[in-house]
C-alpha atoms as a PDB file:
ATOM      1  CA  MET A   1       0.004   0.001   0.001  1.00  0.00           C
ATOM      2  CA  LEU A   2       2.994   2.316   0.381  1.00  0.00           C
ATOM      3  CA  ASN A   3       3.403   2.637  -3.411  1.00  0.00           C
ATOM      4  CA  ASN A   4      -0.309   3.471  -3.753  1.00  0.00           C
ATOM      5  CA  ARG A   5      -0.035   6.157  -1.174  1.00  0.00           C
ATOM      6  CA  LEU A   6       3.071   7.685  -2.686  1.00  0.00           C
ATOM      7  CA  GLY A   7       1.419   7.599  -6.087  1.00  0.00           C
ATOM      8  CA  ARG A   8      -1.570   9.474  -4.719  1.00  0.00           C
ATOM      9  CA  LEU A   9       0.620  12.044  -3.037  1.00  0.00           C
ATOM     10  CA  ALA A  10       2.596  12.605  -6.247  1.00  0.00           C
ATOM     11  CA  LEU A  11      -0.648  13.012  -8.277  1.00  0.00           C
ATOM     12  CA  LEU A  12      -2.129  15.546  -5.886  1.00  0.00           C
ATOM     13  CA  ALA A  13       1.089  17.459  -5.850  1.00  0.00           C
ATOM     14  CA  LEU A  14       1.554  17.480  -9.645  1.00  0.00           C
ATOM     15  CA  LEU A  15      -1.891  18.453 -10.750  1.00  0.00           C
ATOM     16  CA  PRO A  16      -1.770  22.067  -9.449  1.00  0.00           C
ATOM     17  CA  LEU A  17       1.684  22.498 -10.867  1.00  0.00           C
ATOM     18  CA  SER A  18       0.487  21.350 -14.219  1.00  0.00           C
ATOM     19  CA  PHE A  19      -2.374  23.844 -14.248  1.00  0.00           C
ATOM     20  CA  GLY A  20       0.064  26.540 -13.178  1.00  0.00           C
ATOM     21  CA  GLY A  21       2.039  26.036 -16.376  1.00  0.00           C
ATOM     22  CA  CYS A  22      -0.968  27.086 -18.421  1.00  0.00           C
ATOM     23  CA  SER A  23      -1.831  30.172 -16.402  1.00  0.00           C
ATOM     24  CA  SER A  24      -0.133  33.521 -16.291  1.00  0.00           C
ATOM     25  CA  GLY A  25      -0.917  33.849 -12.587  1.00  0.00           C
ATOM     26  CA  GLY A  26       0.209  30.366 -11.651  1.00  0.00           C
ATOM     27  CA  TYR A  27      -0.797  28.202  -8.752  1.00  0.00           C
ATOM     28  CA  GLN A  28       0.901  27.004  -5.625  1.00  0.00           C
ATOM     29  CA  VAL A  29       0.280  23.867  -3.566  1.00  0.00           C
ATOM     30  CA  GLU A  30      -1.299  24.960  -0.289  1.00  0.00           C
ATOM     31  CA  LYS A  31      -2.446  21.591   1.097  1.00  0.00           C
ATOM     32  CA  ILE A  32      -2.011  17.880   0.297  1.00  0.00           C
ATOM     33  CA  THR A  33      -4.573  15.428   1.627  1.00  0.00           C
ATOM     34  CA  ALA A  34      -3.874  11.666   1.464  1.00  0.00           C
ATOM     35  CA  SER A  35      -5.639   8.601   2.791  1.00  0.00           C
ATOM     36  CA  HIS A  36      -4.444   5.080   3.292  1.00  0.00           C
ATOM     37  CA  ILE A  37      -6.843   2.460   1.872  1.00  0.00           C
ATOM     38  CA  GLU A  38      -6.127  -1.129   2.812  1.00  0.00           C
ATOM     39  CA  VAL A  39      -6.822  -3.776   0.143  1.00  0.00           C
ATOM     40  CA  ASP A  40      -8.152  -6.831   2.036  1.00  0.00           C
ATOM     41  CA  PRO A  41     -10.968  -9.383   1.654  1.00  0.00           C
ATOM     42  CA  SER A  42     -13.496  -6.794   2.933  1.00  0.00           C
ATOM     43  CA  VAL A  43     -13.073  -4.743  -0.294  1.00  0.00           C
ATOM     44  CA  PRO A  44     -15.508  -6.083  -2.848  1.00  0.00           C
ATOM     45  CA  GLU A  45     -14.185  -7.204  -6.197  1.00  0.00           C
ATOM     46  CA  ASP A  46     -14.799  -4.867  -9.133  1.00  0.00           C
ATOM     47  CA  VAL A  47     -16.726  -7.214 -11.476  1.00  0.00           C
ATOM     48  CA  ARG A  48     -16.408  -4.904 -14.494  1.00  0.00           C
ATOM     49  CA  MET A  49     -12.649  -4.545 -14.044  1.00  0.00           C
ATOM     50  CA  GLU A  50     -12.252  -8.331 -13.569  1.00  0.00           C
ATOM     51  CA  ALA A  51     -14.152  -8.963 -16.785  1.00  0.00           C
ATOM     52  CA  PHE A  52     -11.944  -6.462 -18.568  1.00  0.00           C
ATOM     53  CA  LEU A  53      -8.650  -7.945 -17.292  1.00  0.00           C
ATOM     54  CA  ALA A  54      -9.539 -11.682 -17.533  1.00  0.00           C
ATOM     55  CA  PRO A  55      -8.813 -12.149 -21.319  1.00  0.00           C
ATOM     56  CA  TYR A  56      -5.433 -10.460 -21.028  1.00  0.00           C
ATOM     57  CA  ARG A  57      -4.452 -12.397 -17.889  1.00  0.00           C
ATOM     58  CA  ASP A  58      -5.583 -15.714 -19.382  1.00  0.00           C
ATOM     59  CA  SER A  59      -3.703 -15.234 -22.629  1.00  0.00           C
ATOM     60  CA  LEU A  60      -0.586 -14.116 -20.766  1.00  0.00           C
ATOM     61  CA  SER A  61      -0.837 -17.182 -18.520  1.00  0.00           C
ATOM     62  CA  VAL A  62      -0.947 -19.476 -21.569  1.00  0.00           C
ATOM     63  CA  LEU A  63       2.180 -17.786 -22.982  1.00  0.00           C
ATOM     64  CA  LEU A  64       4.173 -17.917 -19.737  1.00  0.00           C
ATOM     65  CA  ASP A  65       3.222 -21.554 -19.085  1.00  0.00           C
ATOM     66  CA  GLN A  66       4.853 -22.673 -22.378  1.00  0.00           C
ATOM     67  CA  VAL A  67       7.752 -25.183 -21.927  1.00  0.00           C
ATOM     68  CA  ILE A  68      10.773 -23.761 -23.704  1.00  0.00           C
ATOM     69  CA  ALA A  69      13.606 -26.137 -22.631  1.00  0.00           C
ATOM     70  CA  TYR A  70      14.659 -29.003 -20.442  1.00  0.00           C
ATOM     71  CA  SER A  71      17.202 -28.756 -17.560  1.00  0.00           C
ATOM     72  CA  PRO A  72      18.989 -32.003 -16.544  1.00  0.00           C
ATOM     73  CA  GLN A  73      19.840 -30.579 -13.130  1.00  0.00           C
ATOM     74  CA  TYR A  74      18.631 -28.246 -10.467  1.00  0.00           C
ATOM     75  CA  LEU A  75      20.856 -25.159  -9.956  1.00  0.00           C
ATOM     76  CA  SER A  76      20.347 -23.089  -6.901  1.00  0.00           C
ATOM     77  CA  LYS A  77      20.798 -19.332  -7.030  1.00  0.00           C
ATOM     78  CA  ASN A  78      22.557 -19.767  -3.682  1.00  0.00           C
ATOM     79  CA  ASP A  79      25.050 -22.316  -5.021  1.00  0.00           C
ATOM     80  CA  GLN A  80      28.316 -22.070  -3.224  1.00  0.00           C
ATOM     81  CA  ASN A  81      30.464 -22.092  -6.396  1.00  0.00           C
ATOM     82  CA  GLY A  82      28.193 -20.067  -8.701  1.00  0.00           C
ATOM     83  CA  LEU A  83      27.322 -22.760 -11.180  1.00  0.00           C
ATOM     84  CA  LEU A  84      24.057 -20.996 -12.066  1.00  0.00           C
ATOM     85  CA  GLY A  85      25.999 -17.789 -12.595  1.00  0.00           C
ATOM     86  CA  ALA A  86      28.551 -19.666 -14.662  1.00  0.00           C
ATOM     87  CA  TRP A  87      25.751 -20.969 -16.835  1.00  0.00           C
ATOM     88  CA  LEU A  88      24.437 -17.426 -17.331  1.00  0.00           C
ATOM     89  CA  ALA A  89      27.931 -16.034 -18.116  1.00  0.00           C
ATOM     90  CA  ASP A  90      28.642 -18.773 -20.687  1.00  0.00           C
ATOM     91  CA  LEU A  91      25.390 -18.328 -22.540  1.00  0.00           C
ATOM     92  CA  SER A  92      25.819 -14.526 -22.451  1.00  0.00           C
ATOM     93  CA  ILE A  93      29.227 -14.796 -24.193  1.00  0.00           C
ATOM     94  CA  GLU A  94      27.761 -17.085 -26.829  1.00  0.00           C
ATOM     95  CA  GLN A  95      24.688 -14.950 -27.497  1.00  0.00           C
ATOM     96  CA  VAL A  96      26.510 -11.543 -27.495  1.00  0.00           C
ATOM     97  CA  GLU A  97      29.188 -12.840 -29.857  1.00  0.00           C
ATOM     98  CA  THR A  98      26.488 -14.098 -32.253  1.00  0.00           C
ATOM     99  CA  TYR A  99      24.597 -10.798 -31.969  1.00  0.00           C
ATOM    100  CA  LEU A 100      27.676  -8.606 -32.635  1.00  0.00           C
ATOM    101  CA  ARG A 101      28.785 -10.692 -35.584  1.00  0.00           C
ATOM    102  CA  SER A 102      25.325 -10.118 -37.053  1.00  0.00           C
ATOM    103  CA  GLN A 103      26.011  -6.377 -36.734  1.00  0.00           C
ATOM    104  CA  GLY A 104      29.385  -6.716 -38.488  1.00  0.00           C
ATOM    105  CA  VAL A 105      31.457  -6.494 -35.270  1.00  0.00           C
ATOM    106  CA  ASP A 106      34.119  -8.945 -34.243  1.00  0.00           C
ATOM    107  CA  PRO A 107      33.616  -9.102 -30.459  1.00  0.00           C
ATOM    108  CA  GLN A 108      36.657 -11.045 -29.162  1.00  0.00           C
ATOM    109  CA  ILE A 109      35.276 -11.404 -25.728  1.00  0.00           C
ATOM    110  CA  ASP A 110      37.760 -12.675 -23.186  1.00  0.00           C
ATOM    111  CA  ILE A 111      35.619 -12.975 -20.050  1.00  0.00           C
ATOM    112  CA  ALA A 112      32.102 -12.263 -18.760  1.00  0.00           C
ATOM    113  CA  LEU A 113      31.465 -10.783 -15.333  1.00  0.00           C
ATOM    114  CA  PHE A 114      28.044 -10.176 -13.708  1.00  0.00           C
ATOM    115  CA  ASN A 115      26.949  -9.648 -10.140  1.00  0.00           C
ATOM    116  CA  ALA A 116      25.834 -12.261  -7.671  1.00  0.00           C
ATOM    117  CA  GLY A 117      22.207 -11.767  -6.757  1.00  0.00           C
ATOM    118  CA  GLY A 118      21.265 -10.687 -10.236  1.00  0.00           C
ATOM    119  CA  GLU A 119      19.735 -14.102 -10.742  1.00  0.00           C
ATOM    120  CA  ARG A 120      16.458 -13.898  -8.829  1.00  0.00           C
ATOM    121  CA  THR A 121      15.429 -17.555  -8.892  1.00  0.00           C
ATOM    122  CA  SER A 122      16.901 -21.022  -9.192  1.00  0.00           C
ATOM    123  CA  LEU A 123      16.998 -23.101 -12.436  1.00  0.00           C
ATOM    124  CA  PRO A 124      14.563 -26.020 -12.003  1.00  0.00           C
ATOM    125  CA  GLN A 125      15.264 -29.593 -12.994  1.00  0.00           C
ATOM    126  CA  GLY A 126      13.098 -30.864 -15.740  1.00  0.00           C
ATOM    127  CA  GLU A 127      10.738 -28.600 -17.760  1.00  0.00           C
ATOM    128  CA  VAL A 128      11.702 -24.877 -17.977  1.00  0.00           C
ATOM    129  CA  LYS A 129       8.801 -22.634 -18.663  1.00  0.00           C
ATOM    130  CA  ARG A 130       8.841 -19.196 -20.302  1.00  0.00           C
ATOM    131  CA  SER A 131       7.866 -17.583 -16.984  1.00  0.00           C
ATOM    132  CA  PHE A 132      11.264 -18.679 -15.603  1.00  0.00           C
ATOM    133  CA  VAL A 133      13.104 -16.127 -17.742  1.00  0.00           C
ATOM    134  CA  TYR A 134      11.063 -13.202 -16.353  1.00  0.00           C
ATOM    135  CA  GLU A 135      11.448 -14.450 -12.760  1.00  0.00           C
ATOM    136  CA  PHE A 136      15.132 -15.177 -13.264  1.00  0.00           C
ATOM    137  CA  MET A 137      16.000 -11.869 -14.875  1.00  0.00           C
ATOM    138  CA  PRO A 138      13.391  -9.117 -14.140  1.00  0.00           C
ATOM    139  CA  PHE A 139      15.780  -6.306 -14.889  1.00  0.00           C
ATOM    140  CA  GLU A 140      16.299  -4.233 -18.088  1.00  0.00           C
ATOM    141  CA  ASN A 141      20.112  -4.538 -18.033  1.00  0.00           C
ATOM    142  CA  LYS A 142      21.965  -4.195 -21.290  1.00  0.00           C
ATOM    143  CA  TYR A 143      25.287  -5.794 -22.175  1.00  0.00           C
ATOM    144  CA  MET A 144      28.450  -3.730 -22.492  1.00  0.00           C
ATOM    145  CA  LEU A 145      31.987  -4.639 -23.569  1.00  0.00           C
ATOM    146  CA  VAL A 146      34.734  -2.983 -21.619  1.00  0.00           C
ATOM    147  CA  ARG A 147      38.478  -3.032 -22.493  1.00  0.00           C
ATOM    148  CA  LEU A 148      40.653  -3.218 -19.394  1.00  0.00           C
ATOM    149  CA  ARG A 149      44.428  -3.197 -18.815  1.00  0.00           C
ATOM    150  CA  GLY A 150      46.201  -5.687 -16.613  1.00  0.00           C
ATOM    151  CA  GLN A 151      46.163  -3.365 -13.626  1.00  0.00           C
ATOM    152  CA  GLN A 152      42.404  -3.053 -13.702  1.00  0.00           C
ATOM    153  CA  MET A 153      42.040  -6.770 -14.182  1.00  0.00           C
ATOM    154  CA  GLU A 154      44.104  -7.351 -11.103  1.00  0.00           C
ATOM    155  CA  GLU A 155      41.831  -5.014  -9.183  1.00  0.00           C
ATOM    156  CA  MET A 156      38.916  -7.089 -10.433  1.00  0.00           C
ATOM    157  CA  PHE A 157      40.568 -10.357  -9.244  1.00  0.00           C
ATOM    158  CA  ARG A 158      41.077  -8.860  -5.794  1.00  0.00           C
ATOM    159  CA  TYR A 159      37.470  -7.742  -5.636  1.00  0.00           C
ATOM    160  CA  LEU A 160      36.287 -11.202  -6.725  1.00  0.00           C
ATOM    161  CA  ALA A 161      38.588 -13.030  -4.293  1.00  0.00           C
ATOM    162  CA  ASP A 162      37.507 -10.875  -1.381  1.00  0.00           C
ATOM    163  CA  ASP A 163      33.815 -11.488  -2.048  1.00  0.00           C
ATOM    164  CA  ALA A 164      34.352 -15.217  -2.702  1.00  0.00           C
ATOM    165  CA  LEU A 165      36.037 -15.560   0.661  1.00  0.00           C
ATOM    166  CA  GLN A 166      32.892 -14.095   2.177  1.00  0.00           C
ATOM    167  CA  GLY A 167      30.715 -16.592   0.335  1.00  0.00           C
ATOM    168  CA  THR A 168      29.639 -14.316  -2.594  1.00  0.00           C
ATOM    169  CA  PHE A 169      30.513 -15.845  -5.964  1.00  0.00           C
ATOM    170  CA  HIS A 170      29.937 -13.406  -8.855  1.00  0.00           C
ATOM    171  CA  PRO A 171      29.057 -15.084 -12.190  1.00  0.00           C
ATOM    172  CA  LEU A 172      32.155 -15.642 -14.348  1.00  0.00           C
ATOM    173  CA  GLY A 173      32.648 -16.826 -17.841  1.00  0.00           C
ATOM    174  CA  GLY A 174      36.042 -17.541 -19.437  1.00  0.00           C
ATOM    175  CA  LEU A 175      37.792 -16.837 -16.091  1.00  0.00           C
ATOM    176  CA  ASN A 176      38.934 -19.319 -13.478  1.00  0.00           C
ATOM    177  CA  LEU A 177      40.319 -18.069 -10.163  1.00  0.00           C
ATOM    178  CA  GLN A 178      42.446 -19.963  -7.659  1.00  0.00           C
ATOM    179  CA  ILE A 179      42.455 -18.277  -4.286  1.00  0.00           C
ATOM    180  CA  ARG A 180      45.044 -19.411  -1.665  1.00  0.00           C
ATOM    181  CA  ASP A 181      46.295 -18.395   1.732  1.00  0.00           C
ATOM    182  CA  LYS A 182      43.090 -16.531   2.605  1.00  0.00           C
ATOM    183  CA  GLY A 183      43.335 -14.394  -0.534  1.00  0.00           C
ATOM    184  CA  ARG A 184      47.003 -13.509  -0.305  1.00  0.00           C
ATOM    185  CA  LYS A 185      47.666 -15.424  -3.474  1.00  0.00           C
ATOM    186  CA  ILE A 186      45.403 -15.272  -6.503  1.00  0.00           C
ATOM    187  CA  THR A 187      45.986 -17.119  -9.733  1.00  0.00           C
ATOM    188  CA  ALA A 188      43.863 -16.272 -12.800  1.00  0.00           C
ATOM    189  CA  ARG A 189      43.397 -18.236 -16.041  1.00  0.00           C
ATOM    190  CA  ILE A 190      41.569 -16.650 -18.914  1.00  0.00           C
ATOM    191  CA  GLY A 191      40.421 -18.883 -21.712  1.00  0.00           C
ATOM    192  CA  GLY A 192      42.561 -21.610 -20.204  1.00  0.00           C
ATOM    193  CA  LYS A 193      45.704 -19.501 -20.355  1.00  0.00           C
ATOM    194  CA  ARG A 194      47.550 -17.856 -17.444  1.00  0.00           C
ATOM    195  CA  PHE A 195      46.666 -14.184 -17.037  1.00  0.00           C
ATOM    196  CA  ASP A 196      49.146 -11.845 -18.640  1.00  0.00           C
ATOM    197  CA  PRO A 197      49.268  -8.447 -16.729  1.00  0.00           C
ATOM    198  CA  LYS A 198      50.832  -6.755 -19.848  1.00  0.00           C
ATOM    199  CA  LYS A 199      47.830  -7.527 -22.030  1.00  0.00           C
ATOM    200  CA  GLU A 200      44.437  -5.819 -22.388  1.00  0.00           C
ATOM    201  CA  TYR A 201      41.309  -7.895 -22.034  1.00  0.00           C
ATOM    202  CA  THR A 202      37.675  -7.427 -23.185  1.00  0.00           C
ATOM    203  CA  VAL A 203      35.154  -7.960 -20.443  1.00  0.00           C
ATOM    204  CA  LEU A 204      31.491  -8.589 -21.112  1.00  0.00           C
ATOM    205  CA  THR A 205      29.333  -7.069 -18.342  1.00  0.00           C
ATOM    206  CA  THR A 206      26.135  -4.961 -17.990  1.00  0.00           C
ATOM    207  CA  ASP A 207      25.472  -1.237 -17.977  1.00  0.00           C
ATOM    208  CA  PHE A 208      24.557  -1.449 -14.240  1.00  0.00           C
ATOM    209  CA  LEU A 209      28.068  -2.841 -13.317  1.00  0.00           C
ATOM    210  CA  TYR A 210      29.899  -0.599 -15.795  1.00  0.00           C
ATOM    211  CA  ASN A 211      28.414   2.403 -13.979  1.00  0.00           C
ATOM    212  CA  GLY A 212      29.819   1.233 -10.630  1.00  0.00           C
ATOM    213  CA  GLY A 213      27.030  -1.072  -9.449  1.00  0.00           C
ATOM    214  CA  ASP A 214      28.013  -3.369  -6.577  1.00  0.00           C
ATOM    215  CA  ASN A 215      31.202  -1.229  -6.081  1.00  0.00           C
ATOM    216  CA  MET A 216      32.806  -2.641  -9.271  1.00  0.00           C
ATOM    217  CA  THR A 217      34.806   0.643  -9.658  1.00  0.00           C
ATOM    218  CA  PHE A 218      37.619  -1.062 -11.736  1.00  0.00           C
ATOM    219  CA  PHE A 219      35.503  -0.490 -14.870  1.00  0.00           C
ATOM    220  CA  ALA A 220      35.948   3.254 -14.601  1.00  0.00           C
ATOM    221  CA  GLN A 221      39.550   3.221 -15.799  1.00  0.00           C
ATOM    222  CA  ASN A 222      39.058   1.502 -19.157  1.00  0.00           C
ATOM    223  CA  GLN A 223      40.620   1.567 -22.633  1.00  0.00           C
ATOM    224  CA  GLY A 224      37.338   1.616 -24.509  1.00  0.00           C
ATOM    225  CA  VAL A 225      33.695   0.695 -24.276  1.00  0.00           C
ATOM    226  CA  LEU A 226      31.127  -0.800 -26.643  1.00  0.00           C
ATOM    227  CA  GLU A 227      27.524  -0.422 -25.537  1.00  0.00           C
ATOM    228  CA  THR A 228      25.045  -2.820 -27.111  1.00  0.00           C
ATOM    229  CA  SER A 229      21.302  -2.598 -27.333  1.00  0.00           C
ATOM    230  CA  LEU A 230      20.933  -6.237 -26.392  1.00  0.00           C
ATOM    231  CA  LYS A 231      19.244  -6.856 -23.094  1.00  0.00           C
ATOM    232  CA  MET A 232      20.294  -9.782 -20.905  1.00  0.00           C
ATOM    233  CA  ARG A 233      16.735 -11.141 -20.623  1.00  0.00           C
ATOM    234  CA  GLU A 234      16.408 -11.115 -24.425  1.00  0.00           C
ATOM    235  CA  SER A 235      19.603 -13.053 -24.868  1.00  0.00           C
ATOM    236  CA  ILE A 236      18.405 -15.683 -22.324  1.00  0.00           C
ATOM    237  CA  MET A 237      15.138 -16.026 -24.273  1.00  0.00           C
ATOM    238  CA  ASP A 238      17.071 -16.353 -27.571  1.00  0.00           C
ATOM    239  CA  TYR A 239      19.219 -19.035 -25.932  1.00  0.00           C
ATOM    240  CA  PHE A 240      16.164 -21.086 -24.940  1.00  0.00           C
ATOM    241  CA  ALA A 241      14.699 -20.659 -28.437  1.00  0.00           C
ATOM    242  CA  GLN A 242      17.826 -22.380 -29.800  1.00  0.00           C
ATOM    243  CA  THR A 243      18.176 -24.970 -27.047  1.00  0.00           C
ATOM    244  CA  ASP A 244      16.330 -28.140 -26.365  1.00  0.00           C
ATOM    245  CA  THR A 245      18.303 -29.479 -23.412  1.00  0.00           C
ATOM    246  CA  ILE A 246      20.406 -27.068 -21.387  1.00  0.00           C
ATOM    247  CA  THR A 247      24.134 -27.723 -21.318  1.00  0.00           C
ATOM    248  CA  LEU A 248      25.457 -26.891 -17.802  1.00  0.00           C
ATOM    249  CA  PRO A 249      29.073 -25.857 -17.020  1.00  0.00           C
ATOM    250  CA  LYS A 250      31.402 -28.488 -15.671  1.00  0.00           C
ATOM    251  CA  ASP A 251      34.411 -26.439 -14.592  1.00  0.00           C
ATOM    252  CA  LEU A 252      34.625 -24.536 -11.327  1.00  0.00           C
ATOM    253  CA  ARG A 253      35.157 -20.837 -11.752  1.00  0.00           C
ATOM    254  CA  TYR A 254      36.412 -20.427  -8.135  1.00  0.00           C
ATOM    255  CA  GLU A 255      38.838 -22.684  -6.310  1.00  0.00           C
ATOM    256  CA  ILE A 256      39.620 -21.694  -2.740  1.00  0.00           C
ATOM    257  CA  LYS A 257      42.536 -23.437  -0.942  1.00  0.00           C
END
């Protein structure tokens, strides 16, 4: 009910201001009156509104209940080594590379990095319905490619190691981290090869993280950015359209010793 109340307050405040824009004298808000109306079983159903909404709700339910793929294994969003996130990162690399090539761009993505907690539900075992995609990724995040030097990559590794030691495993694709001696030693392999601090790497991420979300400040000092119009949720839907049985990652992205 808080949202309803705020919406009512905003409406009452904006109406006089809108009228003021059409008048030479103008108007000022003198008083705002609001009421809190609880929605509970005592409030009768609006039969006309229900009849109006029913066809749309029913057709939407049919669409969301469609089975779009099969998952051989249950993956929890709270998995301790981020297998669900690894699956998301791997499919994102594949989908973004395909998309960019269709636009005449050679992506050359080295790794993918997203934020833990971005996945809002677990991947079920068995039938996967269309509704899963909207529950799993309710955000409007777009993909971005960011070019980073070795120094910024090392800052990233430190950030990832610190969070992993606290039990937070951010989704990784193309990157494997070995964390030893309580984080004092970090070994990174990118595409199966040992990290080279003298090289530059292209990182696939989202606009949210590029702009400093989850304190990923290492993206600020970059060597170039490519912003795409492809949304993460759209790429997941495209992946399912091309996939009958989901292929799950087998390698661990984090190894803590």
